[in-house]
Amino acid sequence: MNILIVDDNKQFRSAFRYIIEENFADKFEELYEAENGAECIEIIREKTVDIVFMDKQMPVMDGVEATKKIVDNYRNIRIIAVSFHSEFEDIKGMLEAGARNYIIKEEITPKAIANCMKIS
């Protein structure tokens, strides 16, 4: 499986990448990064991506808009929303856009990631 991490915060992307590499190295082939939704769409057009961990709030193109575009054009890609926003409306917006799950950044653990990726 190929994974794409989309977040405008470089430090968060690095930390999230580290968690995935340390805990799931045997579960993925490629791990890509994008800093906004527009860059995410470009990567998806060029690469094979199975799972996207998508931040909600980013410049250029936010996670809601990017998620809608991906769901409309690439139905086989699973999108997991990842955000500091824990309000119901934020979660609802990402799920309505097509995200399959939602992880609050403060609650990220290897187990939470595995549950979203449906692996053990």
PDB file of N, CA and C in Angstrom:
ATOM      1  N   MET A   1       0.842  -1.172   0.000  1.00  0.00           N
ATOM      2  CA  MET A   1       0.000   0.000   0.000  1.00  0.00           C
ATOM      3  C   MET A   1       0.887   1.235   0.000  1.00  0.00           C
ATOM      4  N   ASN A   2       0.393   2.305  -0.615  1.00  0.00           N
ATOM      5  CA  ASN A   2       1.093   3.581  -0.657  1.00  0.00           C
ATOM      6  C   ASN A   2       0.292   4.606   0.138  1.00  0.00           C
ATOM      7  N   ILE A   3       1.001   5.397   0.942  1.00  0.00           N
ATOM      8  CA  ILE A   3       0.377   6.333   1.868  1.00  0.00           C
ATOM      9  C   ILE A   3       0.812   7.748   1.531  1.00  0.00           C
ATOM     10  N   LEU A   4      -0.129   8.691   1.665  1.00  0.00           N
ATOM     11  CA  LEU A   4       0.151  10.110   1.456  1.00  0.00           C
ATOM     12  C   LEU A   4      -0.282  10.880   2.701  1.00  0.00           C
ATOM     13  N   ILE A   5       0.644  11.651   3.268  1.00  0.00           N
ATOM     14  CA  ILE A   5       0.370  12.505   4.424  1.00  0.00           C
ATOM     15  C   ILE A   5       0.229  13.933   3.905  1.00  0.00           C
ATOM     16  N   VAL A   6      -0.919  14.562   4.183  1.00  0.00           N
ATOM     17  CA  VAL A   6      -1.179  15.918   3.694  1.00  0.00           C
ATOM     18  C   VAL A   6      -1.400  16.834   4.889  1.00  0.00           C
ATOM     19  N   ASP A   7      -0.473  17.760   5.102  1.00  0.00           N
ATOM     20  CA  ASP A   7      -0.561  18.694   6.225  1.00  0.00           C
ATOM     21  C   ASP A   7       0.351  19.869   5.924  1.00  0.00           C
ATOM     22  N   ASP A   8      -0.088  21.072   6.267  1.00  0.00           N
ATOM     23  CA  ASP A   8       0.731  22.252   5.994  1.00  0.00           C
ATOM     24  C   ASP A   8       1.845  22.452   7.011  1.00  0.00           C
ATOM     25  N   ASN A   9       1.835  21.685   8.092  1.00  0.00           N
ATOM     26  CA  ASN A   9       2.859  21.802   9.126  1.00  0.00           C
ATOM     27  C   ASN A   9       3.939  20.750   8.890  1.00  0.00           C
ATOM     28  N   LYS A  10       5.127  21.200   8.493  1.00  0.00           N
ATOM     29  CA  LYS A  10       6.228  20.286   8.168  1.00  0.00           C
ATOM     30  C   LYS A  10       6.625  19.416   9.362  1.00  0.00           C
ATOM     31  N   GLN A  11       6.642  19.996  10.567  1.00  0.00           N
ATOM     32  CA  GLN A  11       7.011  19.224  11.757  1.00  0.00           C
ATOM     33  C   GLN A  11       5.994  18.112  12.027  1.00  0.00           C
ATOM     34  N   PHE A  12       4.707  18.430  11.825  1.00  0.00           N
ATOM     35  CA  PHE A  12       3.696  17.387  12.014  1.00  0.00           C
ATOM     36  C   PHE A  12       3.884  16.270  10.989  1.00  0.00           C
ATOM     37  N   ARG A  13       4.112  16.647   9.723  1.00  0.00           N
ATOM     38  CA  ARG A  13       4.323  15.619   8.696  1.00  0.00           C
ATOM     39  C   ARG A  13       5.500  14.724   9.056  1.00  0.00           C
ATOM     40  N   SER A  14       6.570  15.319   9.536  1.00  0.00           N
ATOM     41  CA  SER A  14       7.759  14.539   9.917  1.00  0.00           C
ATOM     42  C   SER A  14       7.453  13.599  11.077  1.00  0.00           C
ATOM     43  N   ALA A  15       6.746  14.090  12.075  1.00  0.00           N
ATOM     44  CA  ALA A  15       6.400  13.255  13.228  1.00  0.00           C
ATOM     45  C   ALA A  15       5.457  12.124  12.826  1.00  0.00           C
ATOM     46  N   PHE A  16       4.477  12.436  11.994  1.00  0.00           N
ATOM     47  CA  PHE A  16       3.522  11.418  11.544  1.00  0.00           C
ATOM     48  C   PHE A  16       4.235  10.370  10.698  1.00  0.00           C
ATOM     49  N   ARG A  17       5.123  10.834   9.817  1.00  0.00           N
ATOM     50  CA  ARG A  17       5.918   9.912   8.996  1.00  0.00           C
ATOM     51  C   ARG A  17       6.714   8.969   9.894  1.00  0.00           C
ATOM     52  N   TYR A  18       7.331   9.521  10.933  1.00  0.00           N
ATOM     53  CA  TYR A  18       8.129   8.713  11.857  1.00  0.00           C
ATOM     54  C   TYR A  18       7.265   7.620  12.499  1.00  0.00           C
ATOM     55  N   ILE A  19       6.082   7.976  12.970  1.00  0.00           N
ATOM     56  CA  ILE A  19       5.185   6.982  13.590  1.00  0.00           C
ATOM     57  C   ILE A  19       4.864   5.868  12.608  1.00  0.00           C
ATOM     58  N   ILE A  20       4.555   6.229  11.377  1.00  0.00           N
ATOM     59  CA  ILE A  20       4.208   5.217  10.374  1.00  0.00           C
ATOM     60  C   ILE A  20       5.416   4.353  10.039  1.00  0.00           C
ATOM     61  N   GLU A  21       6.572   4.975   9.821  1.00  0.00           N
ATOM     62  CA  GLU A  21       7.768   4.202   9.470  1.00  0.00           C
ATOM     63  C   GLU A  21       8.185   3.269  10.598  1.00  0.00           C
ATOM     64  N   GLU A  22       8.087   3.720  11.833  1.00  0.00           N
ATOM     65  CA  GLU A  22       8.508   2.904  12.972  1.00  0.00           C
ATOM     66  C   GLU A  22       7.542   1.761  13.286  1.00  0.00           C
ATOM     67  N   ASN A  23       6.271   1.948  12.985  1.00  0.00           N
ATOM     68  CA  ASN A  23       5.270   0.961  13.380  1.00  0.00           C
ATOM     69  C   ASN A  23       4.674   0.156  12.239  1.00  0.00           C
ATOM     70  N   PHE A  24       4.791   0.634  11.014  1.00  0.00           N
ATOM     71  CA  PHE A  24       4.117  -0.028   9.899  1.00  0.00           C
ATOM     72  C   PHE A  24       5.009  -0.191   8.677  1.00  0.00           C
ATOM     73  N   ALA A  25       6.299  -0.266   8.867  1.00  0.00           N
ATOM     74  CA  ALA A  25       7.242  -0.354   7.742  1.00  0.00           C
ATOM     75  C   ALA A  25       6.925  -1.525   6.815  1.00  0.00           C
ATOM     76  N   ASP A  26       6.410  -2.604   7.371  1.00  0.00           N
ATOM     77  CA  ASP A  26       6.092  -3.781   6.567  1.00  0.00           C
ATOM     78  C   ASP A  26       4.722  -3.691   5.896  1.00  0.00           C
ATOM     79  N   LYS A  27       3.994  -2.608   6.126  1.00  0.00           N
ATOM     80  CA  LYS A  27       2.627  -2.481   5.602  1.00  0.00           C
ATOM     81  C   LYS A  27       2.519  -1.550   4.395  1.00  0.00           C
ATOM     82  N   PHE A  28       3.587  -0.812   4.070  1.00  0.00           N
ATOM     83  CA  PHE A  28       3.500   0.111   2.942  1.00  0.00           C
ATOM     84  C   PHE A  28       4.752   0.040   2.086  1.00  0.00           C
ATOM     85  N   GLU A  29       4.579   0.450   0.830  1.00  0.00           N
ATOM     86  CA  GLU A  29       5.700   0.508  -0.102  1.00  0.00           C
ATOM     87  C   GLU A  29       6.268   1.918  -0.184  1.00  0.00           C
ATOM     88  N   GLU A  30       5.385   2.903  -0.405  1.00  0.00           N
ATOM     89  CA  GLU A  30       5.810   4.291  -0.567  1.00  0.00           C
ATOM     90  C   GLU A  30       5.053   5.170   0.421  1.00  0.00           C
ATOM     91  N   LEU A  31       5.741   6.203   0.893  1.00  0.00           N
ATOM     92  CA  LEU A  31       5.142   7.166   1.811  1.00  0.00           C
ATOM     93  C   LEU A  31       5.440   8.556   1.253  1.00  0.00           C
ATOM     94  N   TYR A  32       4.390   9.233   0.790  1.00  0.00           N
ATOM     95  CA  TYR A  32       4.526  10.551   0.183  1.00  0.00           C
ATOM     96  C   TYR A  32       4.040  11.621   1.158  1.00  0.00           C
ATOM     97  N   GLU A  33       4.429  12.882   0.881  1.00  0.00           N
ATOM     98  CA  GLU A  33       3.983  14.020   1.679  1.00  0.00           C
ATOM     99  C   GLU A  33       3.561  15.155   0.762  1.00  0.00           C
ATOM    100  N   ALA A  34       2.529  15.883   1.213  1.00  0.00           N
ATOM    101  CA  ALA A  34       2.088  17.099   0.523  1.00  0.00           C
ATOM    102  C   ALA A  34       1.753  18.138   1.582  1.00  0.00           C
ATOM    103  N   GLU A  35       1.924  19.415   1.231  1.00  0.00           N
ATOM    104  CA  GLU A  35       1.683  20.463   2.223  1.00  0.00           C
ATOM    105  C   GLU A  35       0.328  21.141   2.073  1.00  0.00           C
ATOM    106  N   ASN A  36      -0.458  20.759   1.058  1.00  0.00           N
ATOM    107  CA  ASN A  36      -1.821  21.283   0.918  1.00  0.00           C
ATOM    108  C   ASN A  36      -2.612  20.379  -0.028  1.00  0.00           C
ATOM    109  N   GLY A  37      -3.900  20.670  -0.134  1.00  0.00           N
ATOM    110  CA  GLY A  37      -4.769  19.839  -0.948  1.00  0.00           C
ATOM    111  C   GLY A  37      -4.423  19.848  -2.419  1.00  0.00           C
ATOM    112  N   ALA A  38      -3.998  20.995  -2.940  1.00  0.00           N
ATOM    113  CA  ALA A  38      -3.631  21.077  -4.358  1.00  0.00           C
ATOM    114  C   ALA A  38      -2.426  20.184  -4.660  1.00  0.00           C
ATOM    115  N   GLU A  39      -1.427  20.229  -3.802  1.00  0.00           N
ATOM    116  CA  GLU A  39      -0.248  19.374  -3.983  1.00  0.00           C
ATOM    117  C   GLU A  39      -0.640  17.904  -3.848  1.00  0.00           C
ATOM    118  N   CYS A  40      -1.553  17.620  -2.945  1.00  0.00           N
ATOM    119  CA  CYS A  40      -2.063  16.260  -2.768  1.00  0.00           C
ATOM    120  C   CYS A  40      -2.672  15.733  -4.069  1.00  0.00           C
ATOM    121  N   ILE A  41      -3.516  16.541  -4.701  1.00  0.00           N
ATOM    122  CA  ILE A  41      -4.159  16.144  -5.960  1.00  0.00           C
ATOM    123  C   ILE A  41      -3.107  15.880  -7.035  1.00  0.00           C
ATOM    124  N   GLU A  42      -2.090  16.713  -7.104  1.00  0.00           N
ATOM    125  CA  GLU A  42      -1.012  16.518  -8.093  1.00  0.00           C
ATOM    126  C   GLU A  42      -0.311  15.179  -7.877  1.00  0.00           C
ATOM    127  N   ILE A  43      -0.005  14.854  -6.627  1.00  0.00           N
ATOM    128  CA  ILE A  43       0.666  13.589  -6.323  1.00  0.00           C
ATOM    129  C   ILE A  43      -0.215  12.413  -6.710  1.00  0.00           C
ATOM    130  N   ILE A  44      -1.510  12.508  -6.384  1.00  0.00           N
ATOM    131  CA  ILE A  44      -2.432  11.417  -6.703  1.00  0.00           C
ATOM    132  C   ILE A  44      -2.542  11.204  -8.213  1.00  0.00           C
ATOM    133  N   ARG A  45      -2.457  12.260  -8.984  1.00  0.00           N
ATOM    134  CA  ARG A  45      -2.492  12.135 -10.451  1.00  0.00           C
ATOM    135  C   ARG A  45      -1.266  11.406 -10.989  1.00  0.00           C
ATOM    136  N   GLU A  46      -0.130  11.547 -10.290  1.00  0.00           N
ATOM    137  CA  GLU A  46       1.130  10.988 -10.777  1.00  0.00           C
ATOM    138  C   GLU A  46       1.504   9.648 -10.152  1.00  0.00           C
ATOM    139  N   LYS A  47       1.035   9.388  -8.940  1.00  0.00           N
ATOM    140  CA  LYS A  47       1.448   8.198  -8.190  1.00  0.00           C
ATOM    141  C   LYS A  47       0.227   7.351  -7.836  1.00  0.00           C
ATOM    142  N   THR A  48       0.471   6.117  -7.487  1.00  0.00           N
ATOM    143  CA  THR A  48      -0.583   5.265  -6.958  1.00  0.00           C
ATOM    144  C   THR A  48      -0.628   5.479  -5.450  1.00  0.00           C
ATOM    145  N   VAL A  49      -1.785   5.878  -4.943  1.00  0.00           N
ATOM    146  CA  VAL A  49      -1.964   6.134  -3.518  1.00  0.00           C
ATOM    147  C   VAL A  49      -3.176   5.353  -3.039  1.00  0.00           C
ATOM    148  N   ASP A  50      -3.033   4.665  -1.914  1.00  0.00           N
ATOM    149  CA  ASP A  50      -4.127   3.873  -1.358  1.00  0.00           C
ATOM    150  C   ASP A  50      -4.815   4.562  -0.189  1.00  0.00           C
ATOM    151  N   ILE A  51      -4.016   5.231   0.662  1.00  0.00           N
ATOM    152  CA  ILE A  51      -4.553   5.898   1.849  1.00  0.00           C
ATOM    153  C   ILE A  51      -3.978   7.307   1.919  1.00  0.00           C
ATOM    154  N   VAL A  52      -4.856   8.278   2.217  1.00  0.00           N
ATOM    155  CA  VAL A  52      -4.437   9.667   2.424  1.00  0.00           C
ATOM    156  C   VAL A  52      -4.811  10.065   3.843  1.00  0.00           C
ATOM    157  N   PHE A  53      -3.832  10.531   4.598  1.00  0.00           N
ATOM    158  CA  PHE A  53      -4.082  11.138   5.906  1.00  0.00           C
ATOM    159  C   PHE A  53      -4.142  12.640   5.646  1.00  0.00           C
ATOM    160  N   MET A  54      -5.356  13.215   5.732  1.00  0.00           N
ATOM    161  CA  MET A  54      -5.636  14.568   5.257  1.00  0.00           C
ATOM    162  C   MET A  54      -5.951  15.526   6.398  1.00  0.00           C
ATOM    163  N   ASP A  55      -5.144  16.581   6.507  1.00  0.00           N
ATOM    164  CA  ASP A  55      -5.447  17.661   7.439  1.00  0.00           C
ATOM    165  C   ASP A  55      -6.681  18.401   6.926  1.00  0.00           C
ATOM    166  N   LYS A  56      -7.434  18.978   7.835  1.00  0.00           N
ATOM    167  CA  LYS A  56      -8.646  19.706   7.457  1.00  0.00           C
ATOM    168  C   LYS A  56      -8.343  21.130   7.008  1.00  0.00           C
ATOM    169  N   GLN A  57      -7.541  21.841   7.771  1.00  0.00           N
ATOM    170  CA  GLN A  57      -7.324  23.264   7.528  1.00  0.00           C
ATOM    171  C   GLN A  57      -5.920  23.497   6.976  1.00  0.00           C
ATOM    172  N   MET A  58      -5.856  23.912   5.693  1.00  0.00           N
ATOM    173  CA  MET A  58      -4.587  24.190   5.027  1.00  0.00           C
ATOM    174  C   MET A  58      -4.777  25.332   4.046  1.00  0.00           C
ATOM    175  N   PRO A  59      -3.688  26.033   3.713  1.00  0.00           N
ATOM    176  CA  PRO A  59      -3.786  27.071   2.682  1.00  0.00           C
ATOM    177  C   PRO A  59      -3.878  26.445   1.290  1.00  0.00           C
ATOM    178  N   VAL A  60      -4.147  27.238   0.305  1.00  0.00           N
ATOM    179  CA  VAL A  60      -4.245  26.882  -1.107  1.00  0.00           C
ATOM    180  C   VAL A  60      -5.514  26.062  -1.365  1.00  0.00           C
ATOM    181  N   MET A  61      -5.589  24.850  -0.831  1.00  0.00           N
ATOM    182  CA  MET A  61      -6.794  24.025  -0.915  1.00  0.00           C
ATOM    183  C   MET A  61      -6.911  23.263   0.392  1.00  0.00           C
ATOM    184  N   ASP A  62      -8.032  23.438   1.092  1.00  0.00           N
ATOM    185  CA  ASP A  62      -8.196  22.783   2.388  1.00  0.00           C
ATOM    186  C   ASP A  62      -8.560  21.307   2.222  1.00  0.00           C
ATOM    187  N   GLY A  63      -8.611  20.610   3.341  1.00  0.00           N
ATOM    188  CA  GLY A  63      -8.869  19.180   3.325  1.00  0.00           C
ATOM    189  C   GLY A  63     -10.253  18.797   2.869  1.00  0.00           C
ATOM    190  N   VAL A  64     -11.242  19.622   3.156  1.00  0.00           N
ATOM    191  CA  VAL A  64     -12.617  19.322   2.730  1.00  0.00           C
ATOM    192  C   VAL A  64     -12.703  19.333   1.208  1.00  0.00           C
ATOM    193  N   GLU A  65     -12.205  20.385   0.589  1.00  0.00           N
ATOM    194  CA  GLU A  65     -12.250  20.499  -0.869  1.00  0.00           C
ATOM    195  C   GLU A  65     -11.434  19.388  -1.533  1.00  0.00           C
ATOM    196  N   ALA A  66     -10.230  19.141  -1.021  1.00  0.00           N
ATOM    197  CA  ALA A  66      -9.384  18.088  -1.597  1.00  0.00           C
ATOM    198  C   ALA A  66     -10.043  16.723  -1.450  1.00  0.00           C
ATOM    199  N   THR A  67     -10.647  16.470  -0.300  1.00  0.00           N
ATOM    200  CA  THR A  67     -11.317  15.186  -0.077  1.00  0.00           C
ATOM    201  C   THR A  67     -12.446  14.992  -1.076  1.00  0.00           C
ATOM    202  N   LYS A  68     -13.260  16.017  -1.288  1.00  0.00           N
ATOM    203  CA  LYS A  68     -14.358  15.923  -2.263  1.00  0.00           C
ATOM    204  C   LYS A  68     -13.832  15.592  -3.648  1.00  0.00           C
ATOM    205  N   LYS A  69     -12.753  16.259  -4.063  1.00  0.00           N
ATOM    206  CA  LYS A  69     -12.196  16.023  -5.398  1.00  0.00           C
ATOM    207  C   LYS A  69     -11.656  14.596  -5.527  1.00  0.00           C
ATOM    208  N   ILE A  70     -10.998  14.127  -4.483  1.00  0.00           N
ATOM    209  CA  ILE A  70     -10.455  12.772  -4.528  1.00  0.00           C
ATOM    210  C   ILE A  70     -11.577  11.746  -4.584  1.00  0.00           C
ATOM    211  N   VAL A  71     -12.583  11.917  -3.736  1.00  0.00           N
ATOM    212  CA  VAL A  71     -13.705  10.973  -3.710  1.00  0.00           C
ATOM    213  C   VAL A  71     -14.434  10.961  -5.055  1.00  0.00           C
ATOM    214  N   ASP A  72     -14.595  12.131  -5.677  1.00  0.00           N
ATOM    215  CA  ASP A  72     -15.270  12.208  -6.976  1.00  0.00           C
ATOM    216  C   ASP A  72     -14.489  11.531  -8.092  1.00  0.00           C
ATOM    217  N   ASN A  73     -13.154  11.555  -8.005  1.00  0.00           N
ATOM    218  CA  ASN A  73     -12.333  11.072  -9.117  1.00  0.00           C
ATOM    219  C   ASN A  73     -11.554   9.794  -8.853  1.00  0.00           C
ATOM    220  N   TYR A  74     -11.366   9.442  -7.588  1.00  0.00           N
ATOM    221  CA  TYR A  74     -10.544   8.278  -7.232  1.00  0.00           C
ATOM    222  C   TYR A  74     -11.235   7.511  -6.104  1.00  0.00           C
ATOM    223  N   ARG A  75     -12.299   6.819  -6.421  1.00  0.00           N
ATOM    224  CA  ARG A  75     -13.140   6.170  -5.407  1.00  0.00           C
ATOM    225  C   ARG A  75     -12.396   5.116  -4.581  1.00  0.00           C
ATOM    226  N   ASN A  76     -11.311   4.573  -5.091  1.00  0.00           N
ATOM    227  CA  ASN A  76     -10.609   3.501  -4.377  1.00  0.00           C
ATOM    228  C   ASN A  76      -9.641   4.015  -3.310  1.00  0.00           C
ATOM    229  N   ILE A  77      -9.416   5.317  -3.234  1.00  0.00           N
ATOM    230  CA  ILE A  77      -8.491   5.875  -2.248  1.00  0.00           C
ATOM    231  C   ILE A  77      -9.238   6.126  -0.942  1.00  0.00           C
ATOM    232  N   ARG A  78      -8.687   5.607   0.165  1.00  0.00           N
ATOM    233  CA  ARG A  78      -9.280   5.842   1.488  1.00  0.00           C
ATOM    234  C   ARG A  78      -8.682   7.107   2.083  1.00  0.00           C
ATOM    235  N   ILE A  79      -9.544   7.999   2.538  1.00  0.00           N
ATOM    236  CA  ILE A  79      -9.092   9.248   3.146  1.00  0.00           C
ATOM    237  C   ILE A  79      -9.417   9.218   4.633  1.00  0.00           C
ATOM    238  N   ILE A  80      -8.380   9.488   5.431  1.00  0.00           N
ATOM    239  CA  ILE A  80      -8.519   9.585   6.875  1.00  0.00           C
ATOM    240  C   ILE A  80      -8.235  11.038   7.243  1.00  0.00           C
ATOM    241  N   ALA A  81      -9.228  11.709   7.819  1.00  0.00           N
ATOM    242  CA  ALA A  81      -9.041  13.099   8.238  1.00  0.00           C
ATOM    243  C   ALA A  81      -8.201  13.126   9.505  1.00  0.00           C
ATOM    244  N   VAL A  82      -7.266  14.072   9.565  1.00  0.00           N
ATOM    245  CA  VAL A  82      -6.397  14.240  10.730  1.00  0.00           C
ATOM    246  C   VAL A  82      -6.370  15.733  11.043  1.00  0.00           C
ATOM    247  N   SER A  83      -6.832  16.105  12.254  1.00  0.00           N
ATOM    248  CA  SER A  83      -6.934  17.526  12.547  1.00  0.00           C
ATOM    249  C   SER A  83      -6.898  17.785  14.048  1.00  0.00           C
ATOM    250  N   PHE A  84      -6.503  19.012  14.405  1.00  0.00           N
ATOM    251  CA  PHE A  84      -6.619  19.463  15.794  1.00  0.00           C
ATOM    252  C   PHE A  84      -8.071  19.792  16.116  1.00  0.00           C
ATOM    253  N   HIS A  85      -8.872  20.050  15.083  1.00  0.00           N
ATOM    254  CA  HIS A  85     -10.267  20.435  15.284  1.00  0.00           C
ATOM    255  C   HIS A  85     -11.090  19.228  15.737  1.00  0.00           C
ATOM    256  N   SER A  86     -11.699  19.344  16.906  1.00  0.00           N
ATOM    257  CA  SER A  86     -12.485  18.231  17.433  1.00  0.00           C
ATOM    258  C   SER A  86     -13.970  18.567  17.566  1.00  0.00           C
ATOM    259  N   GLU A  87     -14.368  19.740  17.054  1.00  0.00           N
ATOM    260  CA  GLU A  87     -15.765  20.121  17.116  1.00  0.00           C
ATOM    261  C   GLU A  87     -16.581  19.277  16.135  1.00  0.00           C
ATOM    262  N   PHE A  88     -17.823  19.018  16.513  1.00  0.00           N
ATOM    263  CA  PHE A  88     -18.699  18.170  15.716  1.00  0.00           C
ATOM    264  C   PHE A  88     -18.788  18.644  14.268  1.00  0.00           C
ATOM    265  N   GLU A  89     -18.934  19.939  14.053  1.00  0.00           N
ATOM    266  CA  GLU A  89     -19.084  20.460  12.688  1.00  0.00           C
ATOM    267  C   GLU A  89     -17.846  20.199  11.834  1.00  0.00           C
ATOM    268  N   ASP A  90     -16.665  20.276  12.438  1.00  0.00           N
ATOM    269  CA  ASP A  90     -15.434  19.997  11.696  1.00  0.00           C
ATOM    270  C   ASP A  90     -15.374  18.526  11.286  1.00  0.00           C
ATOM    271  N   ILE A  91     -15.680  17.668  12.232  1.00  0.00           N
ATOM    272  CA  ILE A  91     -15.674  16.226  11.951  1.00  0.00           C
ATOM    273  C   ILE A  91     -16.723  15.902  10.890  1.00  0.00           C
ATOM    274  N   LYS A  92     -17.911  16.421  11.078  1.00  0.00           N
ATOM    275  CA  LYS A  92     -19.019  16.187  10.145  1.00  0.00           C
ATOM    276  C   LYS A  92     -18.644  16.640   8.735  1.00  0.00           C
ATOM    277  N   GLY A  93     -18.009  17.820   8.622  1.00  0.00           N
ATOM    278  CA  GLY A  93     -17.637  18.345   7.313  1.00  0.00           C
ATOM    279  C   GLY A  93     -16.696  17.422   6.554  1.00  0.00           C
ATOM    280  N   MET A  94     -15.712  16.899   7.246  1.00  0.00           N
ATOM    281  CA  MET A  94     -14.756  15.987   6.591  1.00  0.00           C
ATOM    282  C   MET A  94     -15.414  14.657   6.230  1.00  0.00           C
ATOM    283  N   LEU A  95     -16.247  14.140   7.125  1.00  0.00           N
ATOM    284  CA  LEU A  95     -16.923  12.874   6.834  1.00  0.00           C
ATOM    285  C   LEU A  95     -17.918  13.028   5.687  1.00  0.00           C
ATOM    286  N   GLU A  96     -18.633  14.142   5.664  1.00  0.00           N
ATOM    287  CA  GLU A  96     -19.558  14.392   4.555  1.00  0.00           C
ATOM    288  C   GLU A  96     -18.816  14.577   3.232  1.00  0.00           C
ATOM    289  N   ALA A  97     -17.603  15.096   3.286  1.00  0.00           N
ATOM    290  CA  ALA A  97     -16.793  15.257   2.076  1.00  0.00           C
ATOM    291  C   ALA A  97     -16.322  13.903   1.537  1.00  0.00           C
ATOM    292  N   GLY A  98     -16.299  12.884   2.413  1.00  0.00           N
ATOM    293  CA  GLY A  98     -15.915  11.551   1.954  1.00  0.00           C
ATOM    294  C   GLY A  98     -14.828  10.876   2.752  1.00  0.00           C
ATOM    295  N   ALA A  99     -14.312  11.543   3.787  1.00  0.00           N
ATOM    296  CA  ALA A  99     -13.310  10.874   4.634  1.00  0.00           C
ATOM    297  C   ALA A  99     -13.963   9.670   5.306  1.00  0.00           C
ATOM    298  N   ARG A 100     -13.217   8.614   5.450  1.00  0.00           N
ATOM    299  CA  ARG A 100     -13.761   7.389   6.057  1.00  0.00           C
ATOM    300  C   ARG A 100     -13.600   7.342   7.561  1.00  0.00           C
ATOM    301  N   ASN A 101     -12.717   8.189   8.080  1.00  0.00           N
ATOM    302  CA  ASN A 101     -12.501   8.228   9.518  1.00  0.00           C
ATOM    303  C   ASN A 101     -11.876   9.572   9.866  1.00  0.00           C
ATOM    304  N   TYR A 102     -11.761   9.849  11.164  1.00  0.00           N
ATOM    305  CA  TYR A 102     -11.271  11.146  11.631  1.00  0.00           C
ATOM    306  C   TYR A 102     -10.427  10.913  12.877  1.00  0.00           C
ATOM    307  N   ILE A 103      -9.179  11.348  12.845  1.00  0.00           N
ATOM    308  CA  ILE A 103      -8.307  11.236  14.009  1.00  0.00           C
ATOM    309  C   ILE A 103      -7.982  12.649  14.491  1.00  0.00           C
ATOM    310  N   ILE A 104      -8.183  12.880  15.774  1.00  0.00           N
ATOM    311  CA  ILE A 104      -7.798  14.158  16.368  1.00  0.00           C
ATOM    312  C   ILE A 104      -6.301  14.079  16.663  1.00  0.00           C
ATOM    313  N   LYS A 105      -5.543  15.078  16.240  1.00  0.00           N
ATOM    314  CA  LYS A 105      -4.084  15.021  16.312  1.00  0.00           C
ATOM    315  C   LYS A 105      -3.553  14.695  17.702  1.00  0.00           C
ATOM    316  N   GLU A 106      -4.174  15.237  18.737  1.00  0.00           N
ATOM    317  CA  GLU A 106      -3.706  14.968  20.104  1.00  0.00           C
ATOM    318  C   GLU A 106      -3.884  13.502  20.497  1.00  0.00           C
ATOM    319  N   GLU A 107      -4.696  12.763  19.749  1.00  0.00           N
ATOM    320  CA  GLU A 107      -5.004  11.374  20.091  1.00  0.00           C
ATOM    321  C   GLU A 107      -4.332  10.374  19.160  1.00  0.00           C
ATOM    322  N   ILE A 108      -3.373  10.832  18.371  1.00  0.00           N
ATOM    323  CA  ILE A 108      -2.706   9.933  17.428  1.00  0.00           C
ATOM    324  C   ILE A 108      -1.798   8.969  18.176  1.00  0.00           C
ATOM    325  N   THR A 109      -2.040   7.711  17.935  1.00  0.00           N
ATOM    326  CA  THR A 109      -1.210   6.630  18.450  1.00  0.00           C
ATOM    327  C   THR A 109      -1.060   5.608  17.321  1.00  0.00           C
ATOM    328  N   PRO A 110      -0.082   4.729  17.417  1.00  0.00           N
ATOM    329  CA  PRO A 110      -0.009   3.663  16.413  1.00  0.00           C
ATOM    330  C   PRO A 110      -1.296   2.847  16.317  1.00  0.00           C
ATOM    331  N   LYS A 111      -1.931   2.607  17.447  1.00  0.00           N
ATOM    332  CA  LYS A 111      -3.193   1.834  17.441  1.00  0.00           C
ATOM    333  C   LYS A 111      -4.292   2.580  16.694  1.00  0.00           C
ATOM    334  N   ALA A 112      -4.402   3.894  16.907  1.00  0.00           N
ATOM    335  CA  ALA A 112      -5.414   4.693  16.213  1.00  0.00           C
ATOM    336  C   ALA A 112      -5.151   4.669  14.708  1.00  0.00           C
ATOM    337  N   ILE A 113      -3.909   4.774  14.319  1.00  0.00           N
ATOM    338  CA  ILE A 113      -3.561   4.727  12.899  1.00  0.00           C
ATOM    339  C   ILE A 113      -3.897   3.360  12.320  1.00  0.00           C
ATOM    340  N   ALA A 114      -3.538   2.301  13.017  1.00  0.00           N
ATOM    341  CA  ALA A 114      -3.824   0.952  12.551  1.00  0.00           C
ATOM    342  C   ALA A 114      -5.323   0.735  12.390  1.00  0.00           C
ATOM    343  N   ASN A 115      -6.107   1.227  13.343  1.00  0.00           N
ATOM    344  CA  ASN A 115      -7.557   1.074  13.248  1.00  0.00           C
ATOM    345  C   ASN A 115      -8.099   1.765  12.011  1.00  0.00           C
ATOM    346  N   CYS A 116      -7.591   2.938  11.697  1.00  0.00           N
ATOM    347  CA  CYS A 116      -8.043   3.671  10.523  1.00  0.00           C
ATOM    348  C   CYS A 116      -7.600   2.997   9.239  1.00  0.00           C
ATOM    349  N   MET A 117      -6.418   2.411   9.258  1.00  0.00           N
ATOM    350  CA  MET A 117      -5.899   1.738   8.069  1.00  0.00           C
ATOM    351  C   MET A 117      -6.446   0.321   7.952  1.00  0.00           C
ATOM    352  N   LYS A 118      -7.141  -0.123   8.987  1.00  0.00           N
ATOM    353  CA  LYS A 118      -7.711  -1.480   9.036  1.00  0.00           C
ATOM    354  C   LYS A 118      -6.624  -2.553   8.972  1.00  0.00           C
ATOM    355  N   ILE A 119      -5.557  -2.326   9.766  1.00  0.00           N
ATOM    356  CA  ILE A 119      -4.498  -3.317   9.869  1.00  0.00           C
ATOM    357  C   ILE A 119      -4.229  -3.574  11.347  1.00  0.00           C
ATOM    358  N   SER A 120      -3.544  -4.666  11.632  1.00  0.00           N
ATOM    359  CA  SER A 120      -3.206  -4.967  13.025  1.00  0.00           C
ATOM    360  C   SER A 120      -1.719  -5.164  13.188  1.00  0.00           C
TER     361      SER A 120
END
